[in-house]
Amino acid sequence: MARRAASGGGLVRGADGVLGWRLRRLLFSCTRPFGYLAFVLALTGLSVAEKLLGEQHELGFFAGRLNETIRRYPEVTRRGVLMAWLGWFLLLCLALSPIDPIASRWDEVVLVALALGVLWRRIFGGHRAAH
């Protein structure tokens, strides 16, 4: 019993095709959160480049416009932001646990300050007026 594979168009035997499909699906489901985190870090990099270079610099202007264009669509950034908060929560749980790799309390302070800074900007930051 041979059937056509969905991806390559070649003949695949039943059990081999299902096993390969399941392995690929498992691999994608394990790596997808890291892709979301990389996307959020890239958006953060665009925002930082805009702030450091300013609107007068061509790269700063382009980074700012690209960042605003991408952030205009929350359905694009929603999963990345959720993964970033999940990563923050897991890091905070690790920092508060007895197996904390850093012996001081400064890691917890930095993580909480980071979250408060993000929330402060989100709640009280407001939107900039268009030029």
C-alpha atoms as a PDB file:
ATOM      1  CA  MET A   1       0.000   0.000   0.000  1.00  0.00           C
ATOM      2  CA  ALA A   2       1.816   3.065  -1.212  1.00  0.00           C
ATOM      3  CA  ARG A   3       0.424   6.564  -1.102  1.00  0.00           C
ATOM      4  CA  ARG A   4       1.613   9.965  -2.217  1.00  0.00           C
ATOM      5  CA  ALA A   5       3.389  12.118   0.349  1.00  0.00           C
ATOM      6  CA  ALA A   6       1.950  15.574   0.851  1.00  0.00           C
ATOM      7  CA  SER A   7       5.285  17.370   0.853  1.00  0.00           C
ATOM      8  CA  GLY A   8       7.518  15.695  -1.720  1.00  0.00           C
ATOM      9  CA  GLY A   9       5.131  14.079  -4.147  1.00  0.00           C
ATOM     10  CA  GLY A  10       7.038  10.772  -3.966  1.00  0.00           C
ATOM     11  CA  LEU A  11       5.768   7.409  -2.825  1.00  0.00           C
ATOM     12  CA  VAL A  12       5.859   6.831   0.916  1.00  0.00           C
ATOM     13  CA  ARG A  13       5.070   3.648   2.730  1.00  0.00           C
ATOM     14  CA  GLY A  14       2.250   3.963   5.311  1.00  0.00           C
ATOM     15  CA  ALA A  15       4.086   3.684   8.653  1.00  0.00           C
ATOM     16  CA  ASP A  16       7.177   5.601   7.515  1.00  0.00           C
ATOM     17  CA  GLY A  17       5.086   8.525   6.286  1.00  0.00           C
ATOM     18  CA  VAL A  18       3.032   8.768   9.461  1.00  0.00           C
ATOM     19  CA  LEU A  19       6.128   8.501  11.673  1.00  0.00           C
ATOM     20  CA  GLY A  20       7.933  11.196   9.683  1.00  0.00           C
ATOM     21  CA  TRP A  21       4.886  13.451   9.788  1.00  0.00           C
ATOM     22  CA  ARG A  22       4.515  13.030  13.556  1.00  0.00           C
ATOM     23  CA  LEU A  23       8.211  13.620  14.152  1.00  0.00           C
ATOM     24  CA  ARG A  24       8.122  16.763  12.017  1.00  0.00           C
ATOM     25  CA  ARG A  25       5.015  18.001  13.830  1.00  0.00           C
ATOM     26  CA  LEU A  26       6.677  17.390  17.207  1.00  0.00           C
ATOM     27  CA  LEU A  27       9.819  19.212  16.073  1.00  0.00           C
ATOM     28  CA  PHE A  28       7.800  22.215  14.858  1.00  0.00           C
ATOM     29  CA  SER A  29       5.745  22.372  18.048  1.00  0.00           C
ATOM     30  CA  CYS A  30       8.943  22.366  20.139  1.00  0.00           C
ATOM     31  CA  THR A  31      10.741  25.042  18.095  1.00  0.00           C
ATOM     32  CA  ARG A  32       7.804  27.363  17.337  1.00  0.00           C
ATOM     33  CA  PRO A  33       7.935  29.175  20.732  1.00  0.00           C
ATOM     34  CA  PHE A  34      11.589  30.063  20.082  1.00  0.00           C
ATOM     35  CA  GLY A  35      10.589  31.542  16.743  1.00  0.00           C
ATOM     36  CA  TYR A  36       7.965  33.671  18.466  1.00  0.00           C
ATOM     37  CA  LEU A  37      10.558  34.845  20.983  1.00  0.00           C
ATOM     38  CA  ALA A  38      12.999  35.683  18.192  1.00  0.00           C
ATOM     39  CA  PHE A  39      10.252  37.710  16.501  1.00  0.00           C
ATOM     40  CA  VAL A  40       9.573  39.698  19.684  1.00  0.00           C
ATOM     41  CA  LEU A  41      13.308  40.297  20.154  1.00  0.00           C
ATOM     42  CA  ALA A  42      13.554  41.538  16.568  1.00  0.00           C
ATOM     43  CA  LEU A  43      10.680  43.975  17.165  1.00  0.00           C
ATOM     44  CA  THR A  44      12.409  45.140  20.338  1.00  0.00           C
ATOM     45  CA  GLY A  45      15.593  45.638  18.343  1.00  0.00           C
ATOM     46  CA  LEU A  46      13.704  47.801  15.850  1.00  0.00           C
ATOM     47  CA  SER A  47      12.299  49.888  18.688  1.00  0.00           C
ATOM     48  CA  VAL A  48      15.732  50.304  20.295  1.00  0.00           C
ATOM     49  CA  ALA A  49      17.299  51.252  16.950  1.00  0.00           C
ATOM     50  CA  GLU A  50      14.619  53.891  16.451  1.00  0.00           C
ATOM     51  CA  LYS A  51      15.213  55.371  19.896  1.00  0.00           C
ATOM     52  CA  LEU A  52      19.010  55.344  19.672  1.00  0.00           C
ATOM     53  CA  LEU A  53      19.337  56.645  16.117  1.00  0.00           C
ATOM     54  CA  GLY A  54      16.392  59.027  16.113  1.00  0.00           C
ATOM     55  CA  GLU A  55      14.033  60.050  13.337  1.00  0.00           C
ATOM     56  CA  GLN A  56      16.681  62.149  11.555  1.00  0.00           C
ATOM     57  CA  HIS A  57      18.892  59.157  10.825  1.00  0.00           C
ATOM     58  CA  GLU A  58      17.683  57.114   7.835  1.00  0.00           C
ATOM     59  CA  LEU A  59      18.024  53.778   9.586  1.00  0.00           C
ATOM     60  CA  GLY A  60      16.266  55.056  12.703  1.00  0.00           C
ATOM     61  CA  PHE A  61      13.436  56.447  10.598  1.00  0.00           C
ATOM     62  CA  PHE A  62      13.072  53.166   8.681  1.00  0.00           C
ATOM     63  CA  ALA A  63      13.247  51.054  11.862  1.00  0.00           C
ATOM     64  CA  GLY A  64      10.568  53.184  13.493  1.00  0.00           C
ATOM     65  CA  ARG A  65       8.201  52.997  10.540  1.00  0.00           C
ATOM     66  CA  LEU A  66       8.698  49.238  10.162  1.00  0.00           C
ATOM     67  CA  ASN A  67       8.143  48.712  13.891  1.00  0.00           C
ATOM     68  CA  GLU A  68       4.927  50.777  13.822  1.00  0.00           C
ATOM     69  CA  THR A  69       3.677  48.934  10.741  1.00  0.00           C
ATOM     70  CA  ILE A  70       4.200  45.501  12.277  1.00  0.00           C
ATOM     71  CA  ARG A  71       2.787  46.463  15.679  1.00  0.00           C
ATOM     72  CA  ARG A  72      -0.332  47.888  14.038  1.00  0.00           C
ATOM     73  CA  TYR A  73      -1.591  44.317  13.596  1.00  0.00           C
ATOM     74  CA  PRO A  74      -1.909  42.694  17.042  1.00  0.00           C
ATOM     75  CA  GLU A  75      -2.765  39.291  15.583  1.00  0.00           C
ATOM     76  CA  VAL A  76       0.789  39.169  14.226  1.00  0.00           C
ATOM     77  CA  THR A  77       2.487  39.980  17.520  1.00  0.00           C
ATOM     78  CA  ARG A  78       0.067  38.370  20.003  1.00  0.00           C
ATOM     79  CA  ARG A  79       1.655  34.903  20.145  1.00  0.00           C
ATOM     80  CA  GLY A  80       5.159  36.318  20.362  1.00  0.00           C
ATOM     81  CA  VAL A  81       4.189  38.534  23.271  1.00  0.00           C
ATOM     82  CA  LEU A  82       2.492  35.609  25.006  1.00  0.00           C
ATOM     83  CA  MET A  83       5.643  33.499  24.601  1.00  0.00           C
ATOM     84  CA  ALA A  84       7.748  36.347  25.961  1.00  0.00           C
ATOM     85  CA  TRP A  85       5.544  36.607  29.069  1.00  0.00           C
ATOM     86  CA  LEU A  86       5.636  32.827  29.471  1.00  0.00           C
ATOM     87  CA  GLY A  87       9.433  32.906  29.240  1.00  0.00           C
ATOM     88  CA  TRP A  88       9.536  35.702  31.824  1.00  0.00           C
ATOM     89  CA  PHE A  89       7.271  33.706  34.137  1.00  0.00           C
ATOM     90  CA  LEU A  90       9.421  30.574  33.808  1.00  0.00           C
ATOM     91  CA  LEU A  91      12.577  32.588  34.524  1.00  0.00           C
ATOM     92  CA  LEU A  92      10.927  34.134  37.579  1.00  0.00           C
ATOM     93  CA  CYS A  93       9.864  30.685  38.820  1.00  0.00           C
ATOM     94  CA  LEU A  94      13.435  29.462  38.358  1.00  0.00           C
ATOM     95  CA  ALA A  95      14.797  32.507  40.183  1.00  0.00           C
ATOM     96  CA  LEU A  96      12.430  31.964  43.112  1.00  0.00           C
ATOM     97  CA  SER A  97      13.028  28.211  43.327  1.00  0.00           C
ATOM     98  CA  PRO A  98      15.658  26.565  45.538  1.00  0.00           C
ATOM     99  CA  ILE A  99      17.646  25.504  42.439  1.00  0.00           C
ATOM    100  CA  ASP A 100      18.307  29.142  41.500  1.00  0.00           C
ATOM    101  CA  PRO A 101      21.629  29.260  39.601  1.00  0.00           C
ATOM    102  CA  ILE A 102      22.319  32.826  40.832  1.00  0.00           C
ATOM    103  CA  ALA A 103      22.794  33.019  44.582  1.00  0.00           C
ATOM    104  CA  SER A 104      21.740  36.662  44.996  1.00  0.00           C
ATOM    105  CA  ARG A 105      18.260  38.196  44.931  1.00  0.00           C
ATOM    106  CA  TRP A 106      19.185  40.625  42.135  1.00  0.00           C
ATOM    107  CA  ASP A 107      17.880  38.307  39.425  1.00  0.00           C
ATOM    108  CA  GLU A 108      14.397  38.447  40.924  1.00  0.00           C
ATOM    109  CA  VAL A 109      14.658  42.224  41.292  1.00  0.00           C
ATOM    110  CA  VAL A 110      15.699  42.620  37.651  1.00  0.00           C
ATOM    111  CA  LEU A 111      12.920  40.357  36.378  1.00  0.00           C
ATOM    112  CA  VAL A 112      10.239  42.148  38.399  1.00  0.00           C
ATOM    113  CA  ALA A 113      11.601  45.570  37.370  1.00  0.00           C
ATOM    114  CA  LEU A 114      11.562  44.502  33.742  1.00  0.00           C
ATOM    115  CA  ALA A 115       7.929  43.426  33.983  1.00  0.00           C
ATOM    116  CA  LEU A 116       6.950  46.622  35.810  1.00  0.00           C
ATOM    117  CA  GLY A 117       8.712  48.709  33.166  1.00  0.00           C
ATOM    118  CA  VAL A 118       6.874  46.950  30.354  1.00  0.00           C
ATOM    119  CA  LEU A 119       3.535  47.259  32.135  1.00  0.00           C
ATOM    120  CA  TRP A 120       4.164  50.917  33.003  1.00  0.00           C
ATOM    121  CA  ARG A 121       4.908  51.739  29.370  1.00  0.00           C
ATOM    122  CA  ARG A 122       1.882  49.779  28.200  1.00  0.00           C
ATOM    123  CA  ILE A 123      -0.546  51.367  30.676  1.00  0.00           C
ATOM    124  CA  PHE A 124       0.755  54.928  30.950  1.00  0.00           C
ATOM    125  CA  GLY A 125       2.900  55.264  27.828  1.00  0.00           C
ATOM    126  CA  GLY A 126       0.181  56.484  25.509  1.00  0.00           C
ATOM    127  CA  HIS A 127       0.474  56.756  21.746  1.00  0.00           C
ATOM    128  CA  ARG A 128       2.665  59.249  19.976  1.00  0.00           C
ATOM    129  CA  ALA A 129       0.995  61.746  17.708  1.00  0.00           C
ATOM    130  CA  ALA A 130       1.586  61.343  13.984  1.00  0.00           C
ATOM    131  CA  HIS A 131       3.782  63.906  12.226  1.00  0.00           C
END
